Amino acid sequence: MRRILKPVDFLKWFNHFIPNIGRTKNLLEPVVVTDRTDPKLVHLDGLNLSRAWCMYGISLNLPGNNRLKKILYSSAQKHAEAGLSNIASGNYEGEHWLASFAVYLLSEINNP
């Protein structure tokens, strides 16, 4: 939505879409993957990378004085660290696709 709405309209929409994001711990904390050899559970590494990618994009486009800017940026960093640390785990279940999510994340950081 941040790409199609004007910044002021995006901020209004975002505040209504997730009104209490600053208090939503299960969204702001990275997911823990308990078994990277499990082809279903390893998708949670992808979730961490995807969340980081989206949170960076949103935080980098919020006004400097917005209270969510720092919260989302900090959460994005945590998610990025959790996801990037596992893209080369040595297990096929994640390695064959997680790098593509890492590219999206790193592209967002370098090209907001």
PDB file of N, CA and C in Angstrom:
ATOM      1  N   MET A   1       0.814  -1.191   0.000  1.00  0.00           N
ATOM      2  CA  MET A   1       0.000   0.000   0.000  1.00  0.00           C
ATOM      3  C   MET A   1       0.868   1.270   0.000  1.00  0.00           C
ATOM      4  N   ARG A   2       2.052   1.161   0.607  1.00  0.00           N
ATOM      5  CA  ARG A   2       2.913   2.355   0.656  1.00  0.00           C
ATOM      6  C   ARG A   2       3.379   2.768  -0.725  1.00  0.00           C
ATOM      7  N   ARG A   3       3.338   1.846  -1.671  1.00  0.00           N
ATOM      8  CA  ARG A   3       3.789   2.163  -3.020  1.00  0.00           C
ATOM      9  C   ARG A   3       2.697   2.796  -3.874  1.00  0.00           C
ATOM     10  N   ILE A   4       1.441   2.629  -3.481  1.00  0.00           N
ATOM     11  CA  ILE A   4       0.364   3.166  -4.315  1.00  0.00           C
ATOM     12  C   ILE A   4      -0.362   4.351  -3.693  1.00  0.00           C
ATOM     13  N   LEU A   5      -0.218   4.523  -2.382  1.00  0.00           N
ATOM     14  CA  LEU A   5      -0.866   5.649  -1.709  1.00  0.00           C
ATOM     15  C   LEU A   5       0.129   6.793  -1.500  1.00  0.00           C
ATOM     16  N   LYS A   6      -0.374   7.984  -1.437  1.00  0.00           N
ATOM     17  CA  LYS A   6       0.448   9.127  -1.050  1.00  0.00           C
ATOM     18  C   LYS A   6       0.894   8.897   0.388  1.00  0.00           C
ATOM     19  N   PRO A   7       2.058   9.407   0.780  1.00  0.00           N
ATOM     20  CA  PRO A   7       2.564   9.154   2.138  1.00  0.00           C
ATOM     21  C   PRO A   7       1.556   9.458   3.241  1.00  0.00           C
ATOM     22  N   VAL A   8       0.850  10.562   3.155  1.00  0.00           N
ATOM     23  CA  VAL A   8      -0.114  10.910   4.207  1.00  0.00           C
ATOM     24  C   VAL A   8      -1.282   9.918   4.223  1.00  0.00           C
ATOM     25  N   ASP A   9      -1.698   9.461   3.043  1.00  0.00           N
ATOM     26  CA  ASP A   9      -2.789   8.486   2.966  1.00  0.00           C
ATOM     27  C   ASP A   9      -2.333   7.115   3.440  1.00  0.00           C
ATOM     28  N   PHE A  10      -1.080   6.770   3.131  1.00  0.00           N
ATOM     29  CA  PHE A  10      -0.554   5.493   3.603  1.00  0.00           C
ATOM     30  C   PHE A  10      -0.517   5.467   5.120  1.00  0.00           C
ATOM     31  N   LEU A  11      -0.031   6.525   5.727  1.00  0.00           N
ATOM     32  CA  LEU A  11       0.068   6.578   7.184  1.00  0.00           C
ATOM     33  C   LEU A  11      -1.309   6.429   7.822  1.00  0.00           C
ATOM     34  N   LYS A  12      -2.290   7.083   7.269  1.00  0.00           N
ATOM     35  CA  LYS A  12      -3.664   6.965   7.782  1.00  0.00           C
ATOM     36  C   LYS A  12      -4.157   5.523   7.639  1.00  0.00           C
ATOM     37  N   TRP A  13      -3.943   4.931   6.459  1.00  0.00           N
ATOM     38  CA  TRP A  13      -4.366   3.554   6.225  1.00  0.00           C
ATOM     39  C   TRP A  13      -3.651   2.599   7.175  1.00  0.00           C
ATOM     40  N   PHE A  14      -2.330   2.768   7.299  1.00  0.00           N
ATOM     41  CA  PHE A  14      -1.529   1.876   8.127  1.00  0.00           C
ATOM     42  C   PHE A  14      -1.975   1.912   9.584  1.00  0.00           C
ATOM     43  N   ASN A  15      -2.241   3.088  10.101  1.00  0.00           N
ATOM     44  CA  ASN A  15      -2.687   3.226  11.493  1.00  0.00           C
ATOM     45  C   ASN A  15      -4.028   2.548  11.730  1.00  0.00           C
ATOM     46  N   HIS A  16      -4.860   2.479  10.716  1.00  0.00           N
ATOM     47  CA  HIS A  16      -6.145   1.785  10.841  1.00  0.00           C
ATOM     48  C   HIS A  16      -5.992   0.281  10.607  1.00  0.00           C
ATOM     49  N   PHE A  17      -5.053  -0.106   9.737  1.00  0.00           N
ATOM     50  CA  PHE A  17      -4.846  -1.512   9.402  1.00  0.00           C
ATOM     51  C   PHE A  17      -4.280  -2.286  10.586  1.00  0.00           C
ATOM     52  N   ILE A  18      -3.250  -1.722  11.224  1.00  0.00           N
ATOM     53  CA  ILE A  18      -2.652  -2.340  12.420  1.00  0.00           C
ATOM     54  C   ILE A  18      -2.542  -1.248  13.480  1.00  0.00           C
ATOM     55  N   PRO A  19      -3.640  -0.967  14.164  1.00  0.00           N
ATOM     56  CA  PRO A  19      -3.661   0.174  15.083  1.00  0.00           C
ATOM     57  C   PRO A  19      -2.731   0.043  16.289  1.00  0.00           C
ATOM     58  N   ASN A  20      -2.436  -1.149  16.730  1.00  0.00           N
ATOM     59  CA  ASN A  20      -1.611  -1.320  17.930  1.00  0.00           C
ATOM     60  C   ASN A  20      -0.325  -2.079  17.644  1.00  0.00           C
ATOM     61  N   ILE A  21       0.273  -1.836  16.499  1.00  0.00           N
ATOM     62  CA  ILE A  21       1.453  -2.617  16.116  1.00  0.00           C
ATOM     63  C   ILE A  21       2.586  -2.490  17.133  1.00  0.00           C
ATOM     64  N   GLY A  22       2.700  -1.381  17.782  1.00  0.00           N
ATOM     65  CA  GLY A  22       3.751  -1.192  18.786  1.00  0.00           C
ATOM     66  C   GLY A  22       3.601  -2.106  19.978  1.00  0.00           C
ATOM     67  N   ARG A  23       2.413  -2.662  20.161  1.00  0.00           N
ATOM     68  CA  ARG A  23       2.154  -3.571  21.281  1.00  0.00           C
ATOM     69  C   ARG A  23       1.896  -5.006  20.814  1.00  0.00           C
ATOM     70  N   THR A  24       2.220  -5.307  19.573  1.00  0.00           N
ATOM     71  CA  THR A  24       1.954  -6.621  18.998  1.00  0.00           C
ATOM     72  C   THR A  24       3.236  -7.433  18.979  1.00  0.00           C
ATOM     73  N   LYS A  25       3.597  -8.018  20.122  1.00  0.00           N
ATOM     74  CA  LYS A  25       4.876  -8.726  20.263  1.00  0.00           C
ATOM     75  C   LYS A  25       5.025  -9.876  19.269  1.00  0.00           C
ATOM     76  N   ASN A  26       3.944 -10.626  19.029  1.00  0.00           N
ATOM     77  CA  ASN A  26       4.084 -11.786  18.149  1.00  0.00           C
ATOM     78  C   ASN A  26       4.384 -11.394  16.711  1.00  0.00           C
ATOM     79  N   LEU A  27       4.147 -10.172  16.336  1.00  0.00           N
ATOM     80  CA  LEU A  27       4.481  -9.695  15.002  1.00  0.00           C
ATOM     81  C   LEU A  27       5.867  -9.048  14.972  1.00  0.00           C
ATOM     82  N   LEU A  28       6.262  -8.453  16.067  1.00  0.00           N
ATOM     83  CA  LEU A  28       7.513  -7.698  16.106  1.00  0.00           C
ATOM     84  C   LEU A  28       8.736  -8.550  16.450  1.00  0.00           C
ATOM     85  N   GLU A  29       8.520  -9.738  16.986  1.00  0.00           N
ATOM     86  CA  GLU A  29       9.633 -10.615  17.334  1.00  0.00           C
ATOM     87  C   GLU A  29       9.802 -11.697  16.274  1.00  0.00           C
ATOM     88  N   PRO A  30      11.032 -12.022  15.905  1.00  0.00           N
ATOM     89  CA  PRO A  30      11.261 -13.081  14.916  1.00  0.00           C
ATOM     90  C   PRO A  30      10.734 -14.430  15.402  1.00  0.00           C
ATOM     91  N   VAL A  31      10.357 -15.242  14.456  1.00  0.00           N
ATOM     92  CA  VAL A  31       9.882 -16.589  14.742  1.00  0.00           C
ATOM     93  C   VAL A  31      11.093 -17.497  14.906  1.00  0.00           C
ATOM     94  N   VAL A  32      11.031 -18.427  15.846  1.00  0.00           N
ATOM     95  CA  VAL A  32      12.119 -19.370  16.078  1.00  0.00           C
ATOM     96  C   VAL A  32      11.838 -20.648  15.296  1.00  0.00           C
ATOM     97  N   VAL A  33      12.806 -21.062  14.511  1.00  0.00           N
ATOM     98  CA  VAL A  33      12.688 -22.293  13.741  1.00  0.00           C
ATOM     99  C   VAL A  33      13.356 -23.402  14.546  1.00  0.00           C
ATOM    100  N   THR A  34      12.598 -24.404  14.900  1.00  0.00           N
ATOM    101  CA  THR A  34      13.126 -25.470  15.753  1.00  0.00           C
ATOM    102  C   THR A  34      13.790 -26.605  14.989  1.00  0.00           C
ATOM    103  N   ASP A  35      13.507 -26.720  13.684  1.00  0.00           N
ATOM    104  CA  ASP A  35      14.098 -27.800  12.896  1.00  0.00           C
ATOM    105  C   ASP A  35      14.213 -27.369  11.439  1.00  0.00           C
ATOM    106  N   ARG A  36      15.420 -26.995  11.032  1.00  0.00           N
ATOM    107  CA  ARG A  36      15.641 -26.525   9.659  1.00  0.00           C
ATOM    108  C   ARG A  36      15.643 -27.645   8.633  1.00  0.00           C
ATOM    109  N   THR A  37      15.586 -28.871   9.082  1.00  0.00           N
ATOM    110  CA  THR A  37      15.485 -29.982   8.132  1.00  0.00           C
ATOM    111  C   THR A  37      14.028 -30.324   7.838  1.00  0.00           C
ATOM    112  N   ASP A  38      13.111 -29.715   8.571  1.00  0.00           N
ATOM    113  CA  ASP A  38      11.684 -29.930   8.332  1.00  0.00           C
ATOM    114  C   ASP A  38      11.246 -28.981   7.219  1.00  0.00           C
ATOM    115  N   PRO A  39      10.784 -29.521   6.078  1.00  0.00           N
ATOM    116  CA  PRO A  39      10.446 -28.658   4.942  1.00  0.00           C
ATOM    117  C   PRO A  39       9.284 -27.697   5.211  1.00  0.00           C
ATOM    118  N   LYS A  40       8.515 -27.934   6.244  1.00  0.00           N
ATOM    119  CA  LYS A  40       7.441 -26.992   6.585  1.00  0.00           C
ATOM    120  C   LYS A  40       7.937 -25.932   7.571  1.00  0.00           C
ATOM    121  N   LEU A  41       8.619 -26.362   8.616  1.00  0.00           N
ATOM    122  CA  LEU A  41       9.080 -25.415   9.633  1.00  0.00           C
ATOM    123  C   LEU A  41      10.087 -24.407   9.094  1.00  0.00           C
ATOM    124  N   VAL A  42      10.902 -24.807   8.126  1.00  0.00           N
ATOM    125  CA  VAL A  42      11.919 -23.900   7.600  1.00  0.00           C
ATOM    126  C   VAL A  42      11.291 -22.702   6.893  1.00  0.00           C
ATOM    127  N   HIS A  43      10.028 -22.810   6.547  1.00  0.00           N
ATOM    128  CA  HIS A  43       9.349 -21.654   5.948  1.00  0.00           C
ATOM    129  C   HIS A  43       9.284 -20.475   6.916  1.00  0.00           C
ATOM    130  N   LEU A  44       9.444 -20.750   8.194  1.00  0.00           N
ATOM    131  CA  LEU A  44       9.448 -19.661   9.171  1.00  0.00           C
ATOM    132  C   LEU A  44      10.687 -18.778   9.008  1.00  0.00           C
ATOM    133  N   ASP A  45      11.789 -19.334   8.509  1.00  0.00           N
ATOM    134  CA  ASP A  45      12.946 -18.488   8.176  1.00  0.00           C
ATOM    135  C   ASP A  45      12.551 -17.511   7.067  1.00  0.00           C
ATOM    136  N   GLY A  46      11.791 -17.999   6.108  1.00  0.00           N
ATOM    137  CA  GLY A  46      11.294 -17.127   5.040  1.00  0.00           C
ATOM    138  C   GLY A  46      10.365 -16.057   5.576  1.00  0.00           C
ATOM    139  N   LEU A  47       9.559 -16.420   6.569  1.00  0.00           N
ATOM    140  CA  LEU A  47       8.673 -15.432   7.195  1.00  0.00           C
ATOM    141  C   LEU A  47       9.497 -14.329   7.849  1.00  0.00           C
ATOM    142  N   ASN A  48      10.563 -14.694   8.541  1.00  0.00           N
ATOM    143  CA  ASN A  48      11.424 -13.676   9.165  1.00  0.00           C
ATOM    144  C   ASN A  48      12.013 -12.737   8.120  1.00  0.00           C
ATOM    145  N   LEU A  49      12.495 -13.303   7.017  1.00  0.00           N
ATOM    146  CA  LEU A  49      13.064 -12.464   5.958  1.00  0.00           C
ATOM    147  C   LEU A  49      12.005 -11.580   5.315  1.00  0.00           C
ATOM    148  N   SER A  50      10.830 -12.136   5.092  1.00  0.00           N
ATOM    149  CA  SER A  50       9.741 -11.373   4.486  1.00  0.00           C
ATOM    150  C   SER A  50       9.281 -10.239   5.401  1.00  0.00           C
ATOM    151  N   ARG A  51       9.157 -10.539   6.681  1.00  0.00           N
ATOM    152  CA  ARG A  51       8.784  -9.488   7.637  1.00  0.00           C
ATOM    153  C   ARG A  51       9.836  -8.382   7.659  1.00  0.00           C
ATOM    154  N   ALA A  52      11.110  -8.771   7.685  1.00  0.00           N
ATOM    155  CA  ALA A  52      12.188  -7.772   7.708  1.00  0.00           C
ATOM    156  C   ALA A  52      12.100  -6.883   6.480  1.00  0.00           C
ATOM    157  N   TRP A  53      11.932  -7.483   5.339  1.00  0.00           N
ATOM    158  CA  TRP A  53      11.834  -6.765   4.068  1.00  0.00           C
ATOM    159  C   TRP A  53      10.694  -5.754   4.114  1.00  0.00           C
ATOM    160  N   CYS A  54       9.529  -6.191   4.567  1.00  0.00           N
ATOM    161  CA  CYS A  54       8.366  -5.293   4.610  1.00  0.00           C
ATOM    162  C   CYS A  54       8.505  -4.221   5.685  1.00  0.00           C
ATOM    163  N   MET A  55       8.995  -4.603   6.856  1.00  0.00           N
ATOM    164  CA  MET A  55       9.136  -3.625   7.939  1.00  0.00           C
ATOM    165  C   MET A  55      10.175  -2.563   7.618  1.00  0.00           C
ATOM    166  N   TYR A  56      11.272  -2.963   6.971  1.00  0.00           N
ATOM    167  CA  TYR A  56      12.250  -1.958   6.530  1.00  0.00           C
ATOM    168  C   TYR A  56      11.581  -0.985   5.571  1.00  0.00           C
ATOM    169  N   GLY A  57      10.881  -1.515   4.597  1.00  0.00           N
ATOM    170  CA  GLY A  57      10.232  -0.664   3.597  1.00  0.00           C
ATOM    171  C   GLY A  57       9.272   0.327   4.218  1.00  0.00           C
ATOM    172  N   ILE A  58       8.496  -0.146   5.168  1.00  0.00           N
ATOM    173  CA  ILE A  58       7.530   0.737   5.828  1.00  0.00           C
ATOM    174  C   ILE A  58       8.264   1.761   6.693  1.00  0.00           C
ATOM    175  N   SER A  59       9.201   1.289   7.523  1.00  0.00           N
ATOM    176  CA  SER A  59       9.874   2.213   8.447  1.00  0.00           C
ATOM    177  C   SER A  59      10.670   3.288   7.716  1.00  0.00           C
ATOM    178  N   LEU A  60      11.304   2.912   6.608  1.00  0.00           N
ATOM    179  CA  LEU A  60      12.096   3.889   5.872  1.00  0.00           C
ATOM    180  C   LEU A  60      11.238   4.937   5.170  1.00  0.00           C
ATOM    181  N   ASN A  61       9.947   4.676   5.089  1.00  0.00           N
ATOM    182  CA  ASN A  61       9.053   5.617   4.419  1.00  0.00           C
ATOM    183  C   ASN A  61       8.102   6.342   5.369  1.00  0.00           C
ATOM    184  N   LEU A  62       8.222   6.073   6.650  1.00  0.00           N
ATOM    185  CA  LEU A  62       7.415   6.815   7.629  1.00  0.00           C
ATOM    186  C   LEU A  62       8.099   8.145   7.929  1.00  0.00           C
ATOM    187  N   PRO A  63       7.318   9.151   8.279  1.00  0.00           N
ATOM    188  CA  PRO A  63       7.926  10.437   8.651  1.00  0.00           C
ATOM    189  C   PRO A  63       8.876  10.260   9.832  1.00  0.00           C
ATOM    190  N   GLY A  64       9.896  11.067   9.878  1.00  0.00           N
ATOM    191  CA  GLY A  64      10.919  10.958  10.910  1.00  0.00           C
ATOM    192  C   GLY A  64      10.420  11.028  12.337  1.00  0.00           C
ATOM    193  N   ASN A  65       9.320  11.703  12.564  1.00  0.00           N
ATOM    194  CA  ASN A  65       8.803  11.870  13.931  1.00  0.00           C
ATOM    195  C   ASN A  65       7.731  10.832  14.277  1.00  0.00           C
ATOM    196  N   ASN A  66       7.441   9.911  13.383  1.00  0.00           N
ATOM    197  CA  ASN A  66       6.405   8.918  13.641  1.00  0.00           C
ATOM    198  C   ASN A  66       6.886   7.915  14.683  1.00  0.00           C
ATOM    199  N   ARG A  67       6.058   7.636  15.667  1.00  0.00           N
ATOM    200  CA  ARG A  67       6.442   6.748  16.771  1.00  0.00           C
ATOM    201  C   ARG A  67       6.724   5.320  16.319  1.00  0.00           C
ATOM    202  N   LEU A  68       6.160   4.893  15.206  1.00  0.00           N
ATOM    203  CA  LEU A  68       6.352   3.528  14.728  1.00  0.00           C
ATOM    204  C   LEU A  68       7.642   3.335  13.935  1.00  0.00           C
ATOM    205  N   LYS A  69       8.228   4.410  13.492  1.00  0.00           N
ATOM    206  CA  LYS A  69       9.436   4.324  12.655  1.00  0.00           C
ATOM    207  C   LYS A  69      10.533   3.524  13.347  1.00  0.00           C
ATOM    208  N   LYS A  70      10.861   3.888  14.565  1.00  0.00           N
ATOM    209  CA  LYS A  70      11.928   3.228  15.314  1.00  0.00           C
ATOM    210  C   LYS A  70      11.530   1.794  15.690  1.00  0.00           C
ATOM    211  N   ILE A  71      10.280   1.589  16.067  1.00  0.00           N
ATOM    212  CA  ILE A  71       9.793   0.256  16.447  1.00  0.00           C
ATOM    213  C   ILE A  71       9.910  -0.710  15.271  1.00  0.00           C
ATOM    214  N   LEU A  72       9.433  -0.294  14.102  1.00  0.00           N
ATOM    215  CA  LEU A  72       9.468  -1.168  12.925  1.00  0.00           C
ATOM    216  C   LEU A  72      10.894  -1.380  12.435  1.00  0.00           C
ATOM    217  N   TYR A  73      11.715  -0.348  12.475  1.00  0.00           N
ATOM    218  CA  TYR A  73      13.099  -0.485  12.026  1.00  0.00           C
ATOM    219  C   TYR A  73      13.852  -1.465  12.922  1.00  0.00           C
ATOM    220  N   SER A  74      13.673  -1.329  14.225  1.00  0.00           N
ATOM    221  CA  SER A  74      14.324  -2.233  15.173  1.00  0.00           C
ATOM    222  C   SER A  74      13.850  -3.672  14.974  1.00  0.00           C
ATOM    223  N   SER A  75      12.562  -3.845  14.791  1.00  0.00           N
ATOM    224  CA  SER A  75      12.016  -5.176  14.549  1.00  0.00           C
ATOM    225  C   SER A  75      12.536  -5.749  13.235  1.00  0.00           C
ATOM    226  N   ALA A  76      12.633  -4.917  12.216  1.00  0.00           N
ATOM    227  CA  ALA A  76      13.169  -5.365  10.930  1.00  0.00           C
ATOM    228  C   ALA A  76      14.601  -5.861  11.085  1.00  0.00           C
ATOM    229  N   GLN A  77      15.394  -5.161  11.880  1.00  0.00           N
ATOM    230  CA  GLN A  77      16.776  -5.591  12.106  1.00  0.00           C
ATOM    231  C   GLN A  77      16.827  -6.967  12.774  1.00  0.00           C
ATOM    232  N   LYS A  78      15.979  -7.179  13.773  1.00  0.00           N
ATOM    233  CA  LYS A  78      15.938  -8.472  14.463  1.00  0.00           C
ATOM    234  C   LYS A  78      15.530  -9.590  13.499  1.00  0.00           C
ATOM    235  N   HIS A  79      14.501  -9.323  12.704  1.00  0.00           N
ATOM    236  CA  HIS A  79      14.036 -10.320  11.743  1.00  0.00           C
ATOM    237  C   HIS A  79      15.100 -10.606  10.683  1.00  0.00           C
ATOM    238  N   ALA A  80      15.779  -9.561  10.232  1.00  0.00           N
ATOM    239  CA  ALA A  80      16.824  -9.739   9.229  1.00  0.00           C
ATOM    240  C   ALA A  80      17.964 -10.589   9.777  1.00  0.00           C
ATOM    241  N   GLU A  81      18.391 -10.298  10.986  1.00  0.00           N
ATOM    242  CA  GLU A  81      19.464 -11.083  11.603  1.00  0.00           C
ATOM    243  C   GLU A  81      19.056 -12.546  11.744  1.00  0.00           C
ATOM    244  N   ALA A  82      17.827 -12.780  12.195  1.00  0.00           N
ATOM    245  CA  ALA A  82      17.346 -14.156  12.377  1.00  0.00           C
ATOM    246  C   ALA A  82      17.282 -14.894  11.043  1.00  0.00           C
ATOM    247  N   GLY A  83      16.797 -14.237  10.014  1.00  0.00           N
ATOM    248  CA  GLY A  83      16.656 -14.891   8.717  1.00  0.00           C
ATOM    249  C   GLY A  83      17.960 -15.036   7.965  1.00  0.00           C
ATOM    250  N   LEU A  84      18.769 -13.985   7.941  1.00  0.00           N
ATOM    251  CA  LEU A  84      20.016 -14.030   7.178  1.00  0.00           C
ATOM    252  C   LEU A  84      21.016 -15.017   7.769  1.00  0.00           C
ATOM    253  N   SER A  85      20.945 -15.220   9.056  1.00  0.00           N
ATOM    254  CA  SER A  85      21.892 -16.150   9.684  1.00  0.00           C
ATOM    255  C   SER A  85      21.624 -17.598   9.293  1.00  0.00           C
ATOM    256  N   ASN A  86      20.509 -17.853   8.613  1.00  0.00           N
ATOM    257  CA  ASN A  86      20.153 -19.232   8.296  1.00  0.00           C
ATOM    258  C   ASN A  86      19.997 -19.520   6.810  1.00  0.00           C
ATOM    259  N   ILE A  87      20.370 -18.589   5.961  1.00  0.00           N
ATOM    260  CA  ILE A  87      20.184 -18.861   4.532  1.00  0.00           C
ATOM    261  C   ILE A  87      21.209 -19.865   4.005  1.00  0.00           C
ATOM    262  N   ALA A  88      22.273 -20.086   4.745  1.00  0.00           N
ATOM    263  CA  ALA A  88      23.272 -21.077   4.353  1.00  0.00           C
ATOM    264  C   ALA A  88      23.433 -22.098   5.478  1.00  0.00           C
ATOM    265  N   SER A  89      22.343 -22.743   5.837  1.00  0.00           N
ATOM    266  CA  SER A  89      22.337 -23.679   6.961  1.00  0.00           C
ATOM    267  C   SER A  89      22.929 -25.033   6.610  1.00  0.00           C
ATOM    268  N   GLY A  90      23.065 -25.312   5.312  1.00  0.00           N
ATOM    269  CA  GLY A  90      23.544 -26.614   4.898  1.00  0.00           C
ATOM    270  C   GLY A  90      22.420 -27.599   4.636  1.00  0.00           C
ATOM    271  N   ASN A  91      21.184 -27.137   4.824  1.00  0.00           N
ATOM    272  CA  ASN A  91      20.022 -27.998   4.600  1.00  0.00           C
ATOM    273  C   ASN A  91      19.269 -27.545   3.351  1.00  0.00           C
ATOM    274  N   TYR A  92      19.048 -28.473   2.462  1.00  0.00           N
ATOM    275  CA  TYR A  92      18.368 -28.185   1.196  1.00  0.00           C
ATOM    276  C   TYR A  92      16.995 -27.557   1.418  1.00  0.00           C
ATOM    277  N   GLU A  93      16.298 -27.973   2.449  1.00  0.00           N
ATOM    278  CA  GLU A  93      14.922 -27.521   2.679  1.00  0.00           C
ATOM    279  C   GLU A  93      14.792 -26.004   2.681  1.00  0.00           C
ATOM    280  N   GLY A  94      15.801 -25.300   3.126  1.00  0.00           N
ATOM    281  CA  GLY A  94      15.754 -23.845   3.126  1.00  0.00           C
ATOM    282  C   GLY A  94      16.700 -23.211   2.136  1.00  0.00           C
ATOM    283  N   GLU A  95      17.871 -23.812   1.993  1.00  0.00           N
ATOM    284  CA  GLU A  95      18.905 -23.190   1.163  1.00  0.00           C
ATOM    285  C   GLU A  95      18.493 -22.960  -0.283  1.00  0.00           C
ATOM    286  N   HIS A  96      17.659 -23.797  -0.823  1.00  0.00           N
ATOM    287  CA  HIS A  96      17.360 -23.667  -2.253  1.00  0.00           C
ATOM    288  C   HIS A  96      16.421 -22.510  -2.571  1.00  0.00           C
ATOM    289  N   TRP A  97      15.870 -21.851  -1.570  1.00  0.00           N
ATOM    290  CA  TRP A  97      14.968 -20.733  -1.875  1.00  0.00           C
ATOM    291  C   TRP A  97      15.125 -19.516  -0.960  1.00  0.00           C
ATOM    292  N   LEU A  98      15.688 -19.674   0.215  1.00  0.00           N
ATOM    293  CA  LEU A  98      15.773 -18.543   1.148  1.00  0.00           C
ATOM    294  C   LEU A  98      16.628 -17.392   0.616  1.00  0.00           C
ATOM    295  N   ALA A  99      17.596 -17.691  -0.207  1.00  0.00           N
ATOM    296  CA  ALA A  99      18.453 -16.627  -0.745  1.00  0.00           C
ATOM    297  C   ALA A  99      17.641 -15.626  -1.564  1.00  0.00           C
ATOM    298  N   SER A 100      16.580 -16.096  -2.235  1.00  0.00           N
ATOM    299  CA  SER A 100      15.761 -15.159  -3.013  1.00  0.00           C
ATOM    300  C   SER A 100      15.063 -14.159  -2.097  1.00  0.00           C
ATOM    301  N   PHE A 101      14.627 -14.604  -0.919  1.00  0.00           N
ATOM    302  CA  PHE A 101      14.018 -13.684   0.038  1.00  0.00           C
ATOM    303  C   PHE A 101      15.063 -12.715   0.583  1.00  0.00           C
ATOM    304  N   ALA A 102      16.286 -13.210   0.761  1.00  0.00           N
ATOM    305  CA  ALA A 102      17.366 -12.342   1.236  1.00  0.00           C
ATOM    306  C   ALA A 102      17.658 -11.251   0.215  1.00  0.00           C
ATOM    307  N   VAL A 103      17.597 -11.583  -1.063  1.00  0.00           N
ATOM    308  CA  VAL A 103      17.823 -10.585  -2.114  1.00  0.00           C
ATOM    309  C   VAL A 103      16.746  -9.498  -2.047  1.00  0.00           C
ATOM    310  N   TYR A 104      15.494  -9.888  -1.875  1.00  0.00           N
ATOM    311  CA  TYR A 104      14.419  -8.894  -1.740  1.00  0.00           C
ATOM    312  C   TYR A 104      14.693  -7.984  -0.538  1.00  0.00           C
ATOM    313  N   LEU A 105      15.066  -8.582   0.584  1.00  0.00           N
ATOM    314  CA  LEU A 105      15.348  -7.807   1.781  1.00  0.00           C
ATOM    315  C   LEU A 105      16.498  -6.838   1.559  1.00  0.00           C
ATOM    316  N   LEU A 106      17.591  -7.332   1.035  1.00  0.00           N
ATOM    317  CA  LEU A 106      18.765  -6.472   0.833  1.00  0.00           C
ATOM    318  C   LEU A 106      18.512  -5.405  -0.229  1.00  0.00           C
ATOM    319  N   SER A 107      17.688  -5.710  -1.199  1.00  0.00           N
ATOM    320  CA  SER A 107      17.313  -4.709  -2.209  1.00  0.00           C
ATOM    321  C   SER A 107      16.491  -3.593  -1.574  1.00  0.00           C
ATOM    322  N   GLU A 108      15.613  -3.947  -0.647  1.00  0.00           N
ATOM    323  CA  GLU A 108      14.777  -2.945   0.032  1.00  0.00           C
ATOM    324  C   GLU A 108      15.636  -2.033   0.884  1.00  0.00           C
ATOM    325  N   ILE A 109      16.592  -2.598   1.587  1.00  0.00           N
ATOM    326  CA  ILE A 109      17.460  -1.798   2.446  1.00  0.00           C
ATOM    327  C   ILE A 109      18.268  -0.801   1.608  1.00  0.00           C
ATOM    328  N   ASN A 110      18.735  -1.249   0.458  1.00  0.00           N
ATOM    329  CA  ASN A 110      19.583  -0.414  -0.376  1.00  0.00           C
ATOM    330  C   ASN A 110      18.809   0.469  -1.345  1.00  0.00           C
ATOM    331  N   ASN A 111      17.495   0.251  -1.467  1.00  0.00           N
ATOM    332  CA  ASN A 111      16.685   0.969  -2.435  1.00  0.00           C
ATOM    333  C   ASN A 111      15.289   1.274  -1.898  1.00  0.00           C
ATOM    334  N   PRO A 112      15.161   2.000  -0.813  1.00  0.00           N
ATOM    335  CA  PRO A 112      13.819   2.196  -0.231  1.00  0.00           C
ATOM    336  C   PRO A 112      12.946   2.923  -1.134  1.00  0.00           C
TER     337      PRO A 112
END
